[in-house]
Amino acid sequence: MDNGQTMDKALELIKKHEGLKLKPYICLAGKLTIGYGRNLEDKGISGKEAHYMALNDIMECIGDLIRIFPEWGNFSVNRQAALIDMVYNLGAAGFARFRNTIAFILERDWDQAAGEMLRSQWAKQVGNRAIELSKMVREG
């Protein structure tokens, strides 16, 4: 018996019968489900799946940041990581509302950019996260 053939055939059947849903939905059994019928309520996702998803999301954040900051590649690793974390948390649209922070970063005024981060409603909501990220932006 060829396990590869069995896996391929089973996957073909599951894809055919379950269909692909890229956003969560409620299945016929009343469970939150995603993908090819993955029951998120009872099964959830594995650590490896969460890691893979986070890496995909980080790549998307980097793409968003490259479009905003032409000099992205010249930013320090700490500044890049802090900005990725911020976009990951806020989403690209949420980050885009940080007009003053973005303007100061474009001018390479890291101190003012960090200050703007801390003066935001977001900073009040996320507390220590904002303090840590603003320090990374300020100090590079």
N, C-alpha and C. Protein backbone atom coordinates (compact mmCIF):
# COMPACT_ATOMS: atom_id res chain seq x y z
N MET A 1 0.84 -1.19 0.00
CA MET A 1 0.00 0.00 0.00
C MET A 1 0.89 1.24 0.00
N ASP A 2 0.61 2.17 -0.90
CA ASP A 2 1.36 3.41 -1.02
C ASP A 2 0.65 4.50 -0.22
N ASN A 3 1.22 4.88 0.91
CA ASN A 3 0.60 5.91 1.76
C ASN A 3 0.46 7.24 1.05
N GLY A 4 1.40 7.55 0.16
CA GLY A 4 1.32 8.79 -0.60
C GLY A 4 0.10 8.81 -1.50
N GLN A 5 -0.18 7.68 -2.15
CA GLN A 5 -1.36 7.59 -3.02
C GLN A 5 -2.64 7.70 -2.19
N THR A 6 -2.64 7.05 -1.04
CA THR A 6 -3.81 7.09 -0.17
C THR A 6 -4.07 8.51 0.31
N MET A 7 -3.01 9.18 0.73
CA MET A 7 -3.14 10.56 1.20
C MET A 7 -3.66 11.46 0.07
N ASP A 8 -3.10 11.30 -1.12
CA ASP A 8 -3.53 12.11 -2.27
C ASP A 8 -5.00 11.88 -2.59
N LYS A 9 -5.42 10.62 -2.58
CA LYS A 9 -6.81 10.29 -2.90
C LYS A 9 -7.75 10.83 -1.82
N ALA A 10 -7.36 10.66 -0.56
CA ALA A 10 -8.19 11.16 0.54
C ALA A 10 -8.31 12.68 0.47
N LEU A 11 -7.20 13.36 0.20
CA LEU A 11 -7.23 14.82 0.09
C LEU A 11 -8.12 15.26 -1.07
N GLU A 12 -8.03 14.56 -2.18
CA GLU A 12 -8.88 14.86 -3.33
C GLU A 12 -10.37 14.76 -2.95
N LEU A 13 -10.73 13.71 -2.23
CA LEU A 13 -12.11 13.52 -1.80
C LEU A 13 -12.56 14.59 -0.81
N ILE A 14 -11.69 14.88 0.15
CA ILE A 14 -12.03 15.89 1.17
C ILE A 14 -12.22 17.25 0.51
N LYS A 15 -11.33 17.62 -0.39
CA LYS A 15 -11.47 18.90 -1.10
C LYS A 15 -12.79 18.94 -1.88
N LYS A 16 -13.12 17.83 -2.52
CA LYS A 16 -14.35 17.76 -3.31
C LYS A 16 -15.58 17.88 -2.41
N HIS A 17 -15.60 17.16 -1.30
CA HIS A 17 -16.79 17.10 -0.46
C HIS A 17 -16.91 18.27 0.52
N GLU A 18 -15.80 18.73 1.03
CA GLU A 18 -15.84 19.81 2.02
C GLU A 18 -15.86 21.19 1.37
N GLY A 19 -15.15 21.33 0.27
CA GLY A 19 -14.99 22.65 -0.33
C GLY A 19 -14.02 23.48 0.49
N LEU A 20 -13.51 24.52 -0.10
CA LEU A 20 -12.53 25.38 0.56
C LEU A 20 -13.18 26.69 0.96
N LYS A 21 -13.08 27.00 2.24
CA LYS A 21 -13.56 28.28 2.78
C LYS A 21 -12.37 28.93 3.48
N LEU A 22 -11.95 30.08 2.98
CA LEU A 22 -10.77 30.74 3.52
C LEU A 22 -11.07 31.65 4.71
N LYS A 23 -12.34 31.82 5.01
CA LYS A 23 -12.74 32.59 6.19
C LYS A 23 -13.59 31.68 7.07
N PRO A 24 -13.54 31.89 8.37
CA PRO A 24 -14.32 31.04 9.27
C PRO A 24 -15.82 31.09 8.96
N TYR A 25 -16.46 29.96 9.14
CA TYR A 25 -17.89 29.84 8.93
C TYR A 25 -18.45 28.83 9.93
N ILE A 26 -19.74 28.79 10.07
CA ILE A 26 -20.39 27.82 10.93
C ILE A 26 -20.85 26.64 10.06
N CYS A 27 -20.35 25.45 10.36
CA CYS A 27 -20.71 24.28 9.58
C CYS A 27 -22.10 23.76 9.97
N LEU A 28 -22.54 22.72 9.29
CA LEU A 28 -23.87 22.16 9.55
C LEU A 28 -24.02 21.66 10.99
N ALA A 29 -22.90 21.26 11.60
CA ALA A 29 -22.94 20.79 12.98
C ALA A 29 -22.91 21.95 13.98
N GLY A 30 -22.89 23.20 13.46
CA GLY A 30 -22.90 24.37 14.33
C GLY A 30 -21.54 24.73 14.90
N LYS A 31 -20.46 24.25 14.28
CA LYS A 31 -19.10 24.50 14.77
C LYS A 31 -18.39 25.53 13.89
N LEU A 32 -17.57 26.35 14.52
CA LEU A 32 -16.73 27.30 13.78
C LEU A 32 -15.70 26.48 13.00
N THR A 33 -15.65 26.71 11.69
CA THR A 33 -14.88 25.87 10.78
C THR A 33 -14.14 26.76 9.79
N ILE A 34 -13.05 26.24 9.24
CA ILE A 34 -12.29 26.96 8.21
C ILE A 34 -11.59 25.97 7.30
N GLY A 35 -11.12 26.45 6.16
CA GLY A 35 -10.35 25.62 5.24
C GLY A 35 -11.19 24.54 4.62
N TYR A 36 -10.69 23.32 4.65
CA TYR A 36 -11.40 22.16 4.13
C TYR A 36 -12.11 21.44 5.27
N GLY A 37 -12.94 22.19 6.01
CA GLY A 37 -13.72 21.58 7.07
C GLY A 37 -13.00 21.42 8.40
N ARG A 38 -11.98 22.21 8.66
CA ARG A 38 -11.27 22.13 9.94
C ARG A 38 -12.16 22.71 11.04
N ASN A 39 -12.50 21.88 12.01
CA ASN A 39 -13.32 22.28 13.15
C ASN A 39 -12.43 23.04 14.13
N LEU A 40 -12.55 24.36 14.12
CA LEU A 40 -11.70 25.18 14.98
C LEU A 40 -12.08 25.07 16.45
N GLU A 41 -13.34 24.86 16.73
CA GLU A 41 -13.78 24.79 18.13
C GLU A 41 -13.24 23.56 18.84
N ASP A 42 -13.32 22.41 18.21
CA ASP A 42 -12.89 21.18 18.86
C ASP A 42 -11.42 20.86 18.63
N LYS A 43 -10.92 21.16 17.43
CA LYS A 43 -9.55 20.79 17.08
C LYS A 43 -8.58 21.96 17.15
N GLY A 44 -9.03 23.14 16.78
CA GLY A 44 -8.12 24.30 16.76
C GLY A 44 -7.07 24.15 15.68
N ILE A 45 -5.88 24.69 15.93
CA ILE A 45 -4.75 24.54 15.02
C ILE A 45 -3.55 24.12 15.85
N SER A 46 -2.55 23.58 15.18
CA SER A 46 -1.33 23.16 15.87
C SER A 46 -0.38 24.34 16.03
N GLY A 47 0.62 24.18 16.85
CA GLY A 47 1.65 25.20 16.99
C GLY A 47 2.36 25.47 15.68
N LYS A 48 2.62 24.40 14.91
CA LYS A 48 3.28 24.57 13.60
C LYS A 48 2.40 25.35 12.64
N GLU A 49 1.09 25.08 12.67
CA GLU A 49 0.17 25.81 11.81
C GLU A 49 0.11 27.28 12.21
N ALA A 50 0.08 27.56 13.50
CA ALA A 50 0.07 28.94 13.98
C ALA A 50 1.35 29.66 13.56
N HIS A 51 2.48 28.98 13.67
CA HIS A 51 3.77 29.54 13.28
C HIS A 51 3.77 29.87 11.78
N TYR A 52 3.31 28.95 10.97
CA TYR A 52 3.24 29.15 9.52
C TYR A 52 2.34 30.34 9.17
N MET A 53 1.18 30.41 9.84
CA MET A 53 0.26 31.52 9.59
C MET A 53 0.89 32.85 9.99
N ALA A 54 1.59 32.87 11.12
CA ALA A 54 2.23 34.11 11.57
C ALA A 54 3.30 34.56 10.58
N LEU A 55 4.09 33.62 10.08
CA LEU A 55 5.11 33.97 9.09
C LEU A 55 4.48 34.55 7.83
N ASN A 56 3.38 33.96 7.37
CA ASN A 56 2.67 34.51 6.20
C ASN A 56 2.19 35.92 6.48
N ASP A 57 1.63 36.14 7.67
CA ASP A 57 1.14 37.46 8.02
C ASP A 57 2.28 38.47 8.14
N ILE A 58 3.43 38.04 8.66
CA ILE A 58 4.60 38.92 8.76
C ILE A 58 5.06 39.34 7.36
N MET A 59 5.07 38.41 6.42
CA MET A 59 5.46 38.75 5.05
C MET A 59 4.51 39.78 4.46
N GLU A 60 3.24 39.66 4.75
CA GLU A 60 2.26 40.64 4.28
C GLU A 60 2.53 42.00 4.92
N CYS A 61 2.83 42.02 6.20
CA CYS A 61 3.16 43.28 6.89
C CYS A 61 4.38 43.93 6.26
N ILE A 62 5.40 43.15 5.97
CA ILE A 62 6.61 43.69 5.36
C ILE A 62 6.28 44.32 4.01
N GLY A 63 5.46 43.66 3.22
CA GLY A 63 5.04 44.23 1.93
C GLY A 63 4.34 45.56 2.11
N ASP A 64 3.46 45.65 3.11
CA ASP A 64 2.77 46.92 3.39
C ASP A 64 3.77 47.99 3.79
N LEU A 65 4.74 47.64 4.62
CA LEU A 65 5.72 48.62 5.10
C LEU A 65 6.67 49.07 4.00
N ILE A 66 7.03 48.18 3.10
CA ILE A 66 7.89 48.55 1.98
C ILE A 66 7.19 49.58 1.10
N ARG A 67 5.88 49.43 0.94
CA ARG A 67 5.12 50.40 0.12
C ARG A 67 5.08 51.78 0.80
N ILE A 68 5.08 51.81 2.12
CA ILE A 68 5.01 53.08 2.85
C ILE A 68 6.39 53.73 2.96
N PHE A 69 7.40 52.92 3.21
CA PHE A 69 8.74 53.44 3.49
C PHE A 69 9.74 52.98 2.42
N PRO A 70 10.05 53.84 1.46
CA PRO A 70 10.98 53.47 0.39
C PRO A 70 12.36 53.04 0.91
N GLU A 71 12.74 53.55 2.07
CA GLU A 71 14.06 53.23 2.63
C GLU A 71 14.00 52.09 3.65
N TRP A 72 12.92 51.30 3.60
CA TRP A 72 12.71 50.22 4.55
C TRP A 72 13.96 49.36 4.76
N GLY A 73 14.62 49.01 3.68
CA GLY A 73 15.79 48.14 3.76
C GLY A 73 16.94 48.73 4.55
N ASN A 74 16.94 50.05 4.76
CA ASN A 74 18.01 50.70 5.52
C ASN A 74 17.67 50.86 7.00
N PHE A 75 16.46 50.51 7.40
CA PHE A 75 16.09 50.60 8.82
C PHE A 75 16.80 49.49 9.59
N SER A 76 17.09 49.75 10.85
CA SER A 76 17.72 48.72 11.68
C SER A 76 16.76 47.54 11.87
N VAL A 77 17.30 46.41 12.23
CA VAL A 77 16.49 45.22 12.50
C VAL A 77 15.47 45.51 13.59
N ASN A 78 15.87 46.21 14.65
CA ASN A 78 14.94 46.52 15.74
C ASN A 78 13.79 47.40 15.26
N ARG A 79 14.09 48.39 14.45
CA ARG A 79 13.03 49.26 13.94
C ARG A 79 12.10 48.49 13.00
N GLN A 80 12.67 47.69 12.14
CA GLN A 80 11.84 46.88 11.26
C GLN A 80 10.93 45.96 12.07
N ALA A 81 11.50 45.26 13.04
CA ALA A 81 10.72 44.31 13.84
C ALA A 81 9.61 45.03 14.61
N ALA A 82 9.91 46.20 15.16
CA ALA A 82 8.90 46.96 15.91
C ALA A 82 7.76 47.38 15.00
N LEU A 83 8.08 47.87 13.81
CA LEU A 83 7.04 48.32 12.88
C LEU A 83 6.22 47.14 12.35
N ILE A 84 6.87 46.00 12.11
CA ILE A 84 6.14 44.80 11.71
C ILE A 84 5.15 44.41 12.80
N ASP A 85 5.62 44.41 14.04
CA ASP A 85 4.74 44.05 15.17
C ASP A 85 3.54 44.99 15.24
N MET A 86 3.80 46.27 15.02
CA MET A 86 2.73 47.26 15.08
C MET A 86 1.70 47.03 13.97
N VAL A 87 2.17 46.79 12.74
CA VAL A 87 1.26 46.54 11.62
C VAL A 87 0.53 45.22 11.83
N TYR A 88 1.21 44.23 12.37
CA TYR A 88 0.59 42.93 12.66
C TYR A 88 -0.58 43.12 13.62
N ASN A 89 -0.39 43.98 14.61
CA ASN A 89 -1.42 44.24 15.61
C ASN A 89 -2.56 45.10 15.08
N LEU A 90 -2.22 46.14 14.34
CA LEU A 90 -3.21 47.13 13.89
C LEU A 90 -3.82 46.82 12.53
N GLY A 91 -3.13 46.05 11.73
CA GLY A 91 -3.50 45.89 10.33
C GLY A 91 -2.96 47.09 9.54
N ALA A 92 -2.84 46.93 8.24
CA ALA A 92 -2.27 48.00 7.41
C ALA A 92 -3.12 49.26 7.47
N ALA A 93 -4.44 49.09 7.45
CA ALA A 93 -5.33 50.27 7.48
C ALA A 93 -5.21 51.00 8.81
N GLY A 94 -5.12 50.27 9.90
CA GLY A 94 -4.96 50.89 11.21
C GLY A 94 -3.64 51.63 11.33
N PHE A 95 -2.58 51.01 10.84
CA PHE A 95 -1.27 51.65 10.87
C PHE A 95 -1.25 52.91 10.02
N ALA A 96 -1.95 52.89 8.90
CA ALA A 96 -1.98 54.05 7.99
C ALA A 96 -2.56 55.28 8.67
N ARG A 97 -3.36 55.08 9.72
CA ARG A 97 -3.92 56.23 10.45
C ARG A 97 -2.88 56.92 11.34
N PHE A 98 -1.71 56.33 11.49
CA PHE A 98 -0.63 56.94 12.27
C PHE A 98 0.16 57.89 11.36
N ARG A 99 -0.53 58.88 10.83
CA ARG A 99 0.07 59.78 9.83
C ARG A 99 1.30 60.51 10.36
N ASN A 100 1.22 61.01 11.59
CA ASN A 100 2.37 61.75 12.14
C ASN A 100 3.55 60.81 12.38
N THR A 101 3.29 59.64 12.93
CA THR A 101 4.37 58.67 13.14
C THR A 101 5.03 58.34 11.81
N ILE A 102 4.23 58.07 10.81
CA ILE A 102 4.76 57.73 9.49
C ILE A 102 5.57 58.89 8.92
N ALA A 103 5.06 60.10 9.05
CA ALA A 103 5.78 61.28 8.54
C ALA A 103 7.13 61.43 9.22
N PHE A 104 7.17 61.24 10.54
CA PHE A 104 8.44 61.36 11.27
C PHE A 104 9.41 60.24 10.87
N ILE A 105 8.90 59.05 10.65
CA ILE A 105 9.78 57.95 10.21
C ILE A 105 10.35 58.27 8.83
N LEU A 106 9.53 58.79 7.96
CA LEU A 106 10.01 59.16 6.62
C LEU A 106 11.11 60.22 6.70
N GLU A 107 11.05 61.08 7.72
CA GLU A 107 12.07 62.11 7.93
C GLU A 107 13.25 61.58 8.76
N ARG A 108 13.17 60.35 9.19
CA ARG A 108 14.17 59.71 10.06
C ARG A 108 14.25 60.40 11.43
N ASP A 109 13.15 60.99 11.87
CA ASP A 109 13.08 61.58 13.20
C ASP A 109 12.49 60.52 14.13
N TRP A 110 13.34 59.61 14.54
CA TRP A 110 12.92 58.44 15.32
C TRP A 110 12.37 58.82 16.67
N ASP A 111 12.93 59.85 17.29
CA ASP A 111 12.46 60.27 18.61
C ASP A 111 11.02 60.77 18.54
N GLN A 112 10.73 61.62 17.56
CA GLN A 112 9.36 62.13 17.41
C GLN A 112 8.40 61.01 17.01
N ALA A 113 8.86 60.10 16.15
CA ALA A 113 8.01 58.98 15.73
C ALA A 113 7.62 58.13 16.94
N ALA A 114 8.59 57.86 17.80
CA ALA A 114 8.32 57.07 19.00
C ALA A 114 7.37 57.81 19.93
N GLY A 115 7.54 59.11 20.05
CA GLY A 115 6.65 59.91 20.88
C GLY A 115 5.22 59.88 20.37
N GLU A 116 5.05 59.96 19.06
CA GLU A 116 3.71 59.88 18.47
C GLU A 116 3.08 58.53 18.74
N MET A 117 3.86 57.49 18.68
CA MET A 117 3.34 56.15 18.99
C MET A 117 2.76 56.13 20.40
N LEU A 118 3.49 56.72 21.33
CA LEU A 118 3.08 56.68 22.74
C LEU A 118 1.90 57.60 23.04
N ARG A 119 1.67 58.59 22.21
CA ARG A 119 0.55 59.52 22.43
C ARG A 119 -0.76 59.01 21.83
N SER A 120 -0.77 57.84 21.28
CA SER A 120 -1.94 57.33 20.56
C SER A 120 -2.90 56.56 21.48
N GLN A 121 -4.11 56.41 20.99
CA GLN A 121 -5.10 55.58 21.67
C GLN A 121 -4.62 54.13 21.71
N TRP A 122 -3.96 53.71 20.64
CA TRP A 122 -3.40 52.37 20.56
C TRP A 122 -2.47 52.10 21.74
N ALA A 123 -1.61 53.07 22.08
CA ALA A 123 -0.68 52.90 23.20
C ALA A 123 -1.43 52.68 24.50
N LYS A 124 -2.53 53.39 24.69
CA LYS A 124 -3.33 53.20 25.89
C LYS A 124 -3.93 51.79 25.93
N GLN A 125 -4.29 51.27 24.76
CA GLN A 125 -4.90 49.95 24.69
C GLN A 125 -3.91 48.81 24.89
N VAL A 126 -2.70 48.95 24.35
CA VAL A 126 -1.75 47.84 24.39
C VAL A 126 -0.67 47.99 25.46
N GLY A 127 -0.62 49.16 26.11
CA GLY A 127 0.27 49.35 27.26
C GLY A 127 1.74 49.08 27.01
N ASN A 128 2.26 48.04 27.67
CA ASN A 128 3.69 47.73 27.60
C ASN A 128 4.18 47.42 26.19
N ARG A 129 3.30 46.89 25.37
CA ARG A 129 3.68 46.61 23.99
C ARG A 129 4.10 47.91 23.30
N ALA A 130 3.31 48.97 23.46
CA ALA A 130 3.63 50.26 22.85
C ALA A 130 4.91 50.84 23.42
N ILE A 131 5.11 50.69 24.71
CA ILE A 131 6.34 51.20 25.35
C ILE A 131 7.56 50.50 24.76
N GLU A 132 7.49 49.17 24.66
CA GLU A 132 8.61 48.41 24.11
C GLU A 132 8.87 48.76 22.65
N LEU A 133 7.82 48.82 21.85
CA LEU A 133 8.00 49.09 20.42
C LEU A 133 8.49 50.51 20.17
N SER A 134 7.97 51.47 20.92
CA SER A 134 8.42 52.85 20.74
C SER A 134 9.89 52.99 21.12
N LYS A 135 10.31 52.28 22.15
CA LYS A 135 11.73 52.31 22.55
C LYS A 135 12.60 51.72 21.44
N MET A 136 12.14 50.65 20.81
CA MET A 136 12.89 50.05 19.71
C MET A 136 12.98 51.01 18.53
N VAL A 137 11.89 51.72 18.25
CA VAL A 137 11.89 52.70 17.15
C VAL A 137 12.84 53.84 17.50
N ARG A 138 12.78 54.33 18.73
CA ARG A 138 13.61 55.46 19.16
C ARG A 138 15.09 55.09 19.12
N GLU A 139 15.44 53.94 19.68
CA GLU A 139 16.84 53.60 19.87
C GLU A 139 17.48 52.83 18.71
N GLY A 140 16.62 52.26 17.87
CA GLY A 140 17.13 51.52 16.72
C GLY A 140 17.72 50.20 17.13
